[in-house]
N, C-alpha and C. Protein backbone atom coordinates (compact mmCIF):
# COMPACT_ATOMS: atom_id res chain seq x y z
N MET A 1 -3.44 3.14 28.66
CA MET A 1 -3.08 2.67 27.34
C MET A 1 -1.71 3.24 26.96
N PRO A 2 -0.93 2.44 26.24
CA PRO A 2 0.39 2.92 25.84
C PRO A 2 0.32 4.01 24.77
N THR A 3 1.35 4.82 24.73
CA THR A 3 1.47 5.88 23.73
C THR A 3 2.55 5.46 22.74
N TYR A 4 2.27 5.65 21.45
CA TYR A 4 3.21 5.27 20.40
C TYR A 4 3.55 6.49 19.57
N GLN A 5 4.83 6.58 19.22
CA GLN A 5 5.31 7.60 18.29
C GLN A 5 5.43 6.93 16.93
N LEU A 6 4.73 7.46 15.96
CA LEU A 6 4.77 6.92 14.61
C LEU A 6 5.24 7.99 13.64
N LYS A 7 5.89 7.57 12.59
CA LYS A 7 6.21 8.49 11.50
C LYS A 7 5.41 8.02 10.29
N VAL A 8 4.36 8.76 9.98
CA VAL A 8 3.45 8.38 8.91
C VAL A 8 3.51 9.44 7.82
N ASN A 9 3.85 9.01 6.62
CA ASN A 9 3.94 9.91 5.47
C ASN A 9 4.84 11.11 5.75
N GLY A 10 5.93 10.82 6.48
CA GLY A 10 6.92 11.84 6.77
C GLY A 10 6.61 12.74 7.95
N THR A 11 5.49 12.52 8.62
CA THR A 11 5.08 13.35 9.74
C THR A 11 5.04 12.53 11.01
N SER A 12 5.61 13.07 12.09
CA SER A 12 5.55 12.38 13.38
C SER A 12 4.15 12.49 13.96
N GLN A 13 3.67 11.38 14.46
CA GLN A 13 2.32 11.30 15.04
C GLN A 13 2.42 10.59 16.38
N THR A 14 1.61 11.02 17.33
CA THR A 14 1.51 10.34 18.62
C THR A 14 0.10 9.79 18.75
N VAL A 15 0.00 8.52 19.07
CA VAL A 15 -1.31 7.89 19.27
C VAL A 15 -1.30 7.13 20.58
N GLU A 16 -2.43 7.07 21.19
CA GLU A 16 -2.61 6.33 22.43
C GLU A 16 -3.63 5.24 22.17
N VAL A 17 -3.13 4.01 22.03
CA VAL A 17 -3.98 2.86 21.73
C VAL A 17 -3.40 1.62 22.38
N SER A 18 -4.19 0.60 22.45
CA SER A 18 -3.73 -0.68 22.96
C SER A 18 -2.63 -1.23 22.06
N GLU A 19 -1.68 -1.96 22.66
CA GLU A 19 -0.54 -2.46 21.89
C GLU A 19 -0.93 -3.46 20.82
N ASP A 20 -2.09 -4.08 20.93
CA ASP A 20 -2.51 -5.05 19.92
C ASP A 20 -3.43 -4.45 18.86
N THR A 21 -3.55 -3.13 18.84
CA THR A 21 -4.38 -2.46 17.84
C THR A 21 -3.71 -2.57 16.48
N PRO A 22 -4.43 -3.06 15.47
CA PRO A 22 -3.85 -3.12 14.13
C PRO A 22 -3.58 -1.71 13.57
N LEU A 23 -2.49 -1.59 12.85
CA LEU A 23 -2.12 -0.33 12.21
C LEU A 23 -3.25 0.22 11.35
N LEU A 24 -3.96 -0.65 10.66
CA LEU A 24 -5.07 -0.22 9.81
C LEU A 24 -6.04 0.70 10.55
N TRP A 25 -6.41 0.30 11.76
CA TRP A 25 -7.41 1.07 12.50
C TRP A 25 -6.84 2.36 13.07
N VAL A 26 -5.55 2.36 13.36
CA VAL A 26 -4.91 3.60 13.79
C VAL A 26 -4.90 4.59 12.62
N LEU A 27 -4.52 4.10 11.45
CA LEU A 27 -4.50 4.98 10.27
C LEU A 27 -5.88 5.55 9.98
N ARG A 28 -6.88 4.70 9.96
CA ARG A 28 -8.22 5.12 9.58
C ARG A 28 -8.93 5.90 10.69
N ASP A 29 -8.92 5.37 11.91
CA ASP A 29 -9.73 5.94 12.99
C ASP A 29 -9.03 7.02 13.79
N GLN A 30 -7.72 6.92 13.96
CA GLN A 30 -7.00 7.90 14.76
C GLN A 30 -6.40 9.02 13.90
N LEU A 31 -5.89 8.66 12.71
CA LEU A 31 -5.18 9.64 11.88
C LEU A 31 -5.98 10.10 10.67
N ASP A 32 -7.17 9.55 10.49
CA ASP A 32 -8.08 9.94 9.40
C ASP A 32 -7.44 9.77 8.02
N LEU A 33 -6.63 8.74 7.87
CA LEU A 33 -6.05 8.38 6.58
C LEU A 33 -6.84 7.18 6.05
N VAL A 34 -7.89 7.46 5.34
CA VAL A 34 -8.86 6.43 4.98
C VAL A 34 -8.64 5.81 3.61
N GLY A 35 -7.52 6.13 2.96
CA GLY A 35 -7.21 5.50 1.68
C GLY A 35 -6.88 4.03 1.83
N THR A 36 -6.33 3.66 2.97
CA THR A 36 -6.03 2.26 3.27
C THR A 36 -7.34 1.59 3.66
N LYS A 37 -7.69 0.52 2.98
CA LYS A 37 -9.01 -0.10 3.15
C LYS A 37 -8.97 -1.38 3.97
N PHE A 38 -10.08 -1.66 4.62
CA PHE A 38 -10.28 -2.95 5.28
C PHE A 38 -10.90 -3.88 4.26
N GLY A 39 -10.29 -5.04 4.08
CA GLY A 39 -10.84 -6.02 3.15
C GLY A 39 -11.26 -7.28 3.88
N CYS A 40 -10.28 -8.05 4.33
CA CYS A 40 -10.58 -9.35 4.93
C CYS A 40 -10.26 -9.41 6.42
N GLY A 41 -9.31 -8.60 6.86
CA GLY A 41 -8.92 -8.62 8.27
C GLY A 41 -7.96 -9.72 8.66
N ILE A 42 -7.54 -10.55 7.68
CA ILE A 42 -6.62 -11.65 7.98
C ILE A 42 -5.40 -11.64 7.04
N ALA A 43 -5.09 -10.50 6.48
CA ALA A 43 -3.89 -10.30 5.64
C ALA A 43 -3.87 -11.16 4.39
N GLN A 44 -5.04 -11.45 3.84
CA GLN A 44 -5.09 -12.30 2.66
C GLN A 44 -5.48 -11.57 1.38
N CYS A 45 -6.07 -10.39 1.46
CA CYS A 45 -6.60 -9.75 0.24
C CYS A 45 -5.74 -8.59 -0.27
N GLY A 46 -4.99 -7.93 0.59
CA GLY A 46 -4.10 -6.86 0.16
C GLY A 46 -4.70 -5.47 0.15
N ALA A 47 -5.98 -5.31 0.43
CA ALA A 47 -6.61 -3.98 0.40
C ALA A 47 -5.99 -3.03 1.41
N CYS A 48 -5.41 -3.55 2.46
CA CYS A 48 -4.87 -2.73 3.55
C CYS A 48 -3.36 -2.49 3.44
N THR A 49 -2.77 -2.77 2.30
CA THR A 49 -1.32 -2.71 2.15
C THR A 49 -0.79 -1.28 2.27
N VAL A 50 0.23 -1.13 3.09
CA VAL A 50 0.99 0.11 3.25
C VAL A 50 2.47 -0.26 3.17
N HIS A 51 3.33 0.74 3.20
CA HIS A 51 4.77 0.47 3.27
C HIS A 51 5.23 0.69 4.70
N VAL A 52 6.00 -0.25 5.22
CA VAL A 52 6.68 -0.10 6.50
C VAL A 52 8.16 -0.23 6.20
N ASN A 53 8.88 0.88 6.37
CA ASN A 53 10.29 0.95 5.95
C ASN A 53 10.47 0.49 4.51
N GLY A 54 9.52 0.88 3.65
CA GLY A 54 9.60 0.59 2.22
C GLY A 54 9.11 -0.78 1.80
N VAL A 55 8.71 -1.61 2.74
CA VAL A 55 8.26 -2.96 2.44
C VAL A 55 6.73 -3.00 2.48
N ALA A 56 6.12 -3.60 1.45
CA ALA A 56 4.67 -3.75 1.42
C ALA A 56 4.25 -4.61 2.61
N THR A 57 3.32 -4.07 3.41
CA THR A 57 2.93 -4.69 4.67
C THR A 57 1.42 -4.62 4.81
N ARG A 58 0.82 -5.70 5.25
CA ARG A 58 -0.63 -5.75 5.46
C ARG A 58 -0.95 -5.11 6.81
N SER A 59 -1.57 -3.97 6.79
CA SER A 59 -1.79 -3.21 8.02
C SER A 59 -2.89 -3.78 8.91
N CYS A 60 -3.73 -4.66 8.39
CA CYS A 60 -4.79 -5.23 9.22
C CYS A 60 -4.26 -6.23 10.23
N SER A 61 -3.07 -6.77 9.97
CA SER A 61 -2.52 -7.78 10.88
C SER A 61 -1.19 -7.33 11.50
N THR A 62 -0.85 -6.07 11.34
CA THR A 62 0.37 -5.51 11.91
C THR A 62 -0.01 -4.61 13.07
N THR A 63 0.46 -4.95 14.25
CA THR A 63 0.11 -4.15 15.43
C THR A 63 1.11 -3.01 15.61
N LEU A 64 0.71 -2.02 16.40
CA LEU A 64 1.60 -0.90 16.66
C LEU A 64 2.86 -1.33 17.38
N ALA A 65 2.74 -2.31 18.23
CA ALA A 65 3.92 -2.80 18.94
C ALA A 65 4.97 -3.35 17.98
N GLN A 66 4.54 -3.83 16.82
CA GLN A 66 5.46 -4.39 15.82
C GLN A 66 6.15 -3.32 14.98
N ILE A 67 5.60 -2.13 14.92
CA ILE A 67 6.12 -1.15 13.97
C ILE A 67 6.59 0.16 14.57
N GLU A 68 6.61 0.24 15.89
CA GLU A 68 7.07 1.48 16.51
C GLU A 68 8.47 1.82 16.01
N ASP A 69 8.71 3.10 15.77
CA ASP A 69 10.00 3.61 15.28
C ASP A 69 10.30 3.24 13.83
N LYS A 70 9.29 2.89 13.07
CA LYS A 70 9.48 2.58 11.66
C LYS A 70 8.73 3.60 10.81
N GLU A 71 9.19 3.76 9.59
CA GLU A 71 8.60 4.71 8.64
C GLU A 71 7.40 4.06 7.95
N ILE A 72 6.25 4.70 8.04
CA ILE A 72 5.02 4.18 7.44
C ILE A 72 4.61 5.11 6.31
N THR A 73 4.29 4.52 5.16
CA THR A 73 3.78 5.29 4.03
C THR A 73 2.45 4.69 3.62
N THR A 74 1.45 5.54 3.52
CA THR A 74 0.13 5.12 3.06
C THR A 74 -0.06 5.62 1.63
N ILE A 75 -1.16 5.28 1.02
CA ILE A 75 -1.46 5.74 -0.33
C ILE A 75 -1.46 7.27 -0.38
N GLU A 76 -1.89 7.91 0.69
CA GLU A 76 -1.90 9.38 0.73
C GLU A 76 -0.49 9.96 0.70
N GLY A 77 0.49 9.19 1.16
CA GLY A 77 1.86 9.68 1.22
C GLY A 77 2.74 9.22 0.07
N LEU A 78 2.19 8.42 -0.83
CA LEU A 78 3.00 7.93 -1.95
C LEU A 78 3.46 9.09 -2.83
N SER A 79 2.56 10.03 -3.10
CA SER A 79 2.91 11.28 -3.77
C SER A 79 1.82 12.29 -3.43
N GLU A 80 2.21 13.53 -3.34
CA GLU A 80 1.24 14.56 -2.97
C GLU A 80 0.20 14.81 -4.05
N ASP A 81 0.60 14.61 -5.30
CA ASP A 81 -0.28 14.99 -6.40
C ASP A 81 -0.62 13.85 -7.36
N GLY A 82 -0.40 12.62 -6.93
CA GLY A 82 -0.71 11.48 -7.79
C GLY A 82 0.28 11.28 -8.91
N SER A 83 1.50 11.81 -8.75
CA SER A 83 2.48 11.76 -9.83
C SER A 83 3.46 10.59 -9.73
N HIS A 84 3.31 9.73 -8.72
CA HIS A 84 4.17 8.55 -8.64
C HIS A 84 3.96 7.74 -9.92
N PRO A 85 5.01 7.17 -10.51
CA PRO A 85 4.87 6.43 -11.77
C PRO A 85 3.80 5.33 -11.74
N VAL A 86 3.61 4.69 -10.60
CA VAL A 86 2.57 3.66 -10.52
C VAL A 86 1.18 4.31 -10.59
N GLN A 87 0.99 5.40 -9.89
CA GLN A 87 -0.30 6.10 -9.95
C GLN A 87 -0.59 6.61 -11.35
N VAL A 88 0.43 7.15 -12.01
CA VAL A 88 0.26 7.64 -13.38
C VAL A 88 -0.11 6.49 -14.31
N ALA A 89 0.59 5.37 -14.18
CA ALA A 89 0.30 4.20 -15.03
C ALA A 89 -1.12 3.69 -14.78
N TRP A 90 -1.56 3.72 -13.53
CA TRP A 90 -2.92 3.27 -13.20
C TRP A 90 -3.95 4.08 -13.97
N LYS A 91 -3.71 5.40 -14.04
CA LYS A 91 -4.64 6.28 -14.76
C LYS A 91 -4.55 6.04 -16.27
N GLU A 92 -3.33 5.90 -16.78
CA GLU A 92 -3.15 5.69 -18.23
C GLU A 92 -3.82 4.41 -18.71
N VAL A 93 -3.72 3.36 -17.92
CA VAL A 93 -4.29 2.07 -18.30
C VAL A 93 -5.77 1.98 -17.91
N ASP A 94 -6.22 2.92 -17.08
CA ASP A 94 -7.60 2.93 -16.60
C ASP A 94 -7.91 1.63 -15.84
N VAL A 95 -7.08 1.36 -14.84
CA VAL A 95 -7.16 0.10 -14.10
C VAL A 95 -8.44 -0.05 -13.28
N PRO A 96 -8.81 0.92 -12.44
CA PRO A 96 -9.90 0.66 -11.49
C PRO A 96 -11.26 0.47 -12.13
N GLN A 97 -12.00 -0.43 -11.53
CA GLN A 97 -13.42 -0.52 -11.82
C GLN A 97 -14.13 0.02 -10.58
N CYS A 98 -14.32 -0.81 -9.56
CA CYS A 98 -14.94 -0.28 -8.35
C CYS A 98 -13.94 0.55 -7.55
N GLY A 99 -12.65 0.21 -7.65
CA GLY A 99 -11.60 0.97 -7.01
C GLY A 99 -11.25 0.58 -5.59
N TYR A 100 -12.00 -0.30 -4.98
CA TYR A 100 -11.80 -0.59 -3.56
C TYR A 100 -10.40 -1.14 -3.26
N CYS A 101 -9.90 -2.01 -4.09
CA CYS A 101 -8.61 -2.65 -3.83
C CYS A 101 -7.43 -1.84 -4.34
N GLN A 102 -7.68 -0.77 -5.05
CA GLN A 102 -6.61 -0.11 -5.81
C GLN A 102 -5.50 0.49 -4.95
N ALA A 103 -5.80 1.05 -3.81
CA ALA A 103 -4.74 1.60 -2.96
C ALA A 103 -3.77 0.49 -2.56
N GLY A 104 -4.29 -0.65 -2.17
CA GLY A 104 -3.43 -1.78 -1.81
C GLY A 104 -2.65 -2.30 -2.99
N GLN A 105 -3.28 -2.35 -4.15
CA GLN A 105 -2.59 -2.79 -5.37
C GLN A 105 -1.44 -1.84 -5.69
N ILE A 106 -1.71 -0.54 -5.63
CA ILE A 106 -0.70 0.47 -5.95
C ILE A 106 0.45 0.42 -4.94
N MET A 107 0.14 0.26 -3.67
CA MET A 107 1.20 0.19 -2.66
C MET A 107 2.05 -1.06 -2.83
N THR A 108 1.44 -2.18 -3.18
CA THR A 108 2.21 -3.40 -3.44
C THR A 108 3.10 -3.21 -4.66
N ALA A 109 2.53 -2.67 -5.73
CA ALA A 109 3.30 -2.47 -6.97
C ALA A 109 4.45 -1.50 -6.76
N SER A 110 4.22 -0.42 -6.05
CA SER A 110 5.28 0.58 -5.87
C SER A 110 6.42 0.05 -5.00
N ALA A 111 6.11 -0.73 -3.97
CA ALA A 111 7.16 -1.33 -3.15
C ALA A 111 7.95 -2.35 -3.97
N PHE A 112 7.24 -3.13 -4.78
CA PHE A 112 7.90 -4.11 -5.62
C PHE A 112 8.83 -3.44 -6.62
N LEU A 113 8.34 -2.41 -7.31
CA LEU A 113 9.16 -1.73 -8.32
C LEU A 113 10.34 -0.98 -7.71
N ALA A 114 10.23 -0.58 -6.46
CA ALA A 114 11.37 0.06 -5.79
C ALA A 114 12.51 -0.94 -5.61
N GLN A 115 12.18 -2.23 -5.52
CA GLN A 115 13.18 -3.28 -5.37
C GLN A 115 13.60 -3.89 -6.71
N ASN A 116 12.72 -3.81 -7.70
CA ASN A 116 12.96 -4.44 -9.00
C ASN A 116 12.38 -3.54 -10.09
N ALA A 117 13.19 -2.63 -10.57
CA ALA A 117 12.71 -1.63 -11.54
C ALA A 117 12.60 -2.17 -12.96
N ASN A 118 13.06 -3.38 -13.19
CA ASN A 118 13.00 -3.95 -14.53
C ASN A 118 12.49 -5.40 -14.46
N PRO A 119 11.25 -5.58 -14.00
CA PRO A 119 10.74 -6.94 -13.78
C PRO A 119 10.25 -7.61 -15.05
N THR A 120 10.26 -8.92 -15.01
CA THR A 120 9.63 -9.70 -16.08
C THR A 120 8.13 -9.78 -15.80
N GLU A 121 7.38 -10.24 -16.77
CA GLU A 121 5.94 -10.39 -16.58
C GLU A 121 5.64 -11.38 -15.45
N ASP A 122 6.40 -12.46 -15.40
CA ASP A 122 6.21 -13.45 -14.32
C ASP A 122 6.54 -12.87 -12.96
N GLU A 123 7.58 -12.06 -12.87
CA GLU A 123 7.93 -11.43 -11.59
C GLU A 123 6.81 -10.48 -11.14
N ILE A 124 6.21 -9.78 -12.08
CA ILE A 124 5.08 -8.90 -11.74
C ILE A 124 3.91 -9.72 -11.21
N LYS A 125 3.57 -10.78 -11.91
CA LYS A 125 2.46 -11.64 -11.47
C LYS A 125 2.72 -12.20 -10.08
N ASN A 126 3.96 -12.64 -9.83
CA ASN A 126 4.29 -13.18 -8.51
C ASN A 126 4.21 -12.10 -7.44
N ALA A 127 4.71 -10.91 -7.74
CA ALA A 127 4.69 -9.82 -6.75
C ALA A 127 3.27 -9.39 -6.41
N MET A 128 2.41 -9.40 -7.41
CA MET A 128 1.03 -8.92 -7.20
C MET A 128 0.09 -10.02 -6.72
N HIS A 129 0.57 -11.27 -6.77
CA HIS A 129 -0.25 -12.39 -6.31
C HIS A 129 -0.62 -12.18 -4.84
N GLY A 130 -1.85 -12.38 -4.51
CA GLY A 130 -2.29 -12.18 -3.14
C GLY A 130 -3.02 -10.87 -2.95
N ASN A 131 -2.96 -10.00 -3.94
CA ASN A 131 -3.78 -8.79 -3.92
C ASN A 131 -5.03 -9.11 -4.73
N ILE A 132 -6.13 -9.23 -4.04
CA ILE A 132 -7.36 -9.67 -4.68
C ILE A 132 -8.13 -8.47 -5.24
N CYS A 133 -8.58 -8.64 -6.47
CA CYS A 133 -9.43 -7.64 -7.12
C CYS A 133 -10.76 -8.31 -7.46
N ARG A 134 -11.79 -7.93 -6.75
CA ARG A 134 -13.10 -8.54 -6.96
C ARG A 134 -13.63 -8.30 -8.37
N CYS A 135 -13.20 -7.20 -8.98
CA CYS A 135 -13.63 -6.87 -10.34
C CYS A 135 -12.80 -7.60 -11.41
N ALA A 136 -11.76 -8.30 -10.99
CA ALA A 136 -10.89 -9.08 -11.87
C ALA A 136 -10.18 -8.22 -12.91
N SER A 137 -9.61 -7.12 -12.47
CA SER A 137 -8.86 -6.22 -13.36
C SER A 137 -7.39 -6.63 -13.46
N TYR A 138 -7.09 -7.88 -13.29
CA TYR A 138 -5.71 -8.34 -13.20
C TYR A 138 -4.89 -8.05 -14.46
N THR A 139 -5.48 -8.17 -15.63
CA THR A 139 -4.75 -7.90 -16.86
C THR A 139 -4.33 -6.44 -16.91
N ARG A 140 -5.24 -5.55 -16.56
CA ARG A 140 -4.91 -4.12 -16.55
C ARG A 140 -3.93 -3.78 -15.43
N ILE A 141 -4.05 -4.42 -14.30
CA ILE A 141 -3.10 -4.20 -13.20
C ILE A 141 -1.70 -4.57 -13.66
N ASN A 142 -1.55 -5.74 -14.25
CA ASN A 142 -0.23 -6.18 -14.73
C ASN A 142 0.32 -5.23 -15.79
N LYS A 143 -0.54 -4.77 -16.70
CA LYS A 143 -0.11 -3.83 -17.74
C LYS A 143 0.34 -2.51 -17.11
N ALA A 144 -0.38 -2.03 -16.12
CA ALA A 144 0.00 -0.78 -15.45
C ALA A 144 1.34 -0.92 -14.74
N VAL A 145 1.58 -2.06 -14.11
CA VAL A 145 2.87 -2.27 -13.44
C VAL A 145 3.98 -2.30 -14.48
N GLN A 146 3.75 -2.94 -15.61
CA GLN A 146 4.74 -2.95 -16.69
C GLN A 146 5.03 -1.53 -17.16
N ASN A 147 3.98 -0.74 -17.36
CA ASN A 147 4.15 0.64 -17.81
C ASN A 147 4.91 1.47 -16.76
N ALA A 148 4.54 1.29 -15.51
CA ALA A 148 5.20 2.04 -14.43
C ALA A 148 6.69 1.70 -14.36
N ALA A 149 7.01 0.44 -14.58
CA ALA A 149 8.41 0.00 -14.52
C ALA A 149 9.28 0.77 -15.52
N LYS A 150 8.70 1.15 -16.64
CA LYS A 150 9.43 1.91 -17.66
C LYS A 150 9.76 3.32 -17.18
N ASN A 151 9.01 3.82 -16.18
CA ASN A 151 9.17 5.19 -15.72
C ASN A 151 9.71 5.33 -14.31
N ILE A 152 10.08 4.21 -13.72
CA ILE A 152 10.66 4.23 -12.37
C ILE A 152 12.13 4.59 -12.46
N GLU A 153 12.53 5.50 -11.60
CA GLU A 153 13.96 5.85 -11.52
C GLU A 153 14.64 4.83 -10.64
N SER A 154 15.57 4.10 -11.21
CA SER A 154 16.25 3.07 -10.40
C SER A 154 17.55 3.57 -9.84
């Protein structure tokens, strides 16, 4: 099996897995970073979203061969203490119900706000579209992204 060098949450990691192994399973099973969730397995729900070189990426459909030598950030690496503006806004607005989709929602929102620190409501809705919340917390998610945008350093 091939060996891959990954940089995950600022730390170099070596894994030995098949080249078609999805990043999601390497994060969860090899590196014990279980904040990234399995939802649908076909990149449609957003529960598995991580950042690859700062871009929101669905880890269930991204293989190691596609991301070697790239910077990967998971929900565990977004901030050490939950102080990222998106995480703070999530708590202030009390977004989660069951919480299963929240890591993916937060990773999508934080990547979006890194590119657009002053979004309109429609831009937020478009950016978050495709992240499914079974509990239908969409109004609170959008409000949290709006609140976070006010505290993002651009």
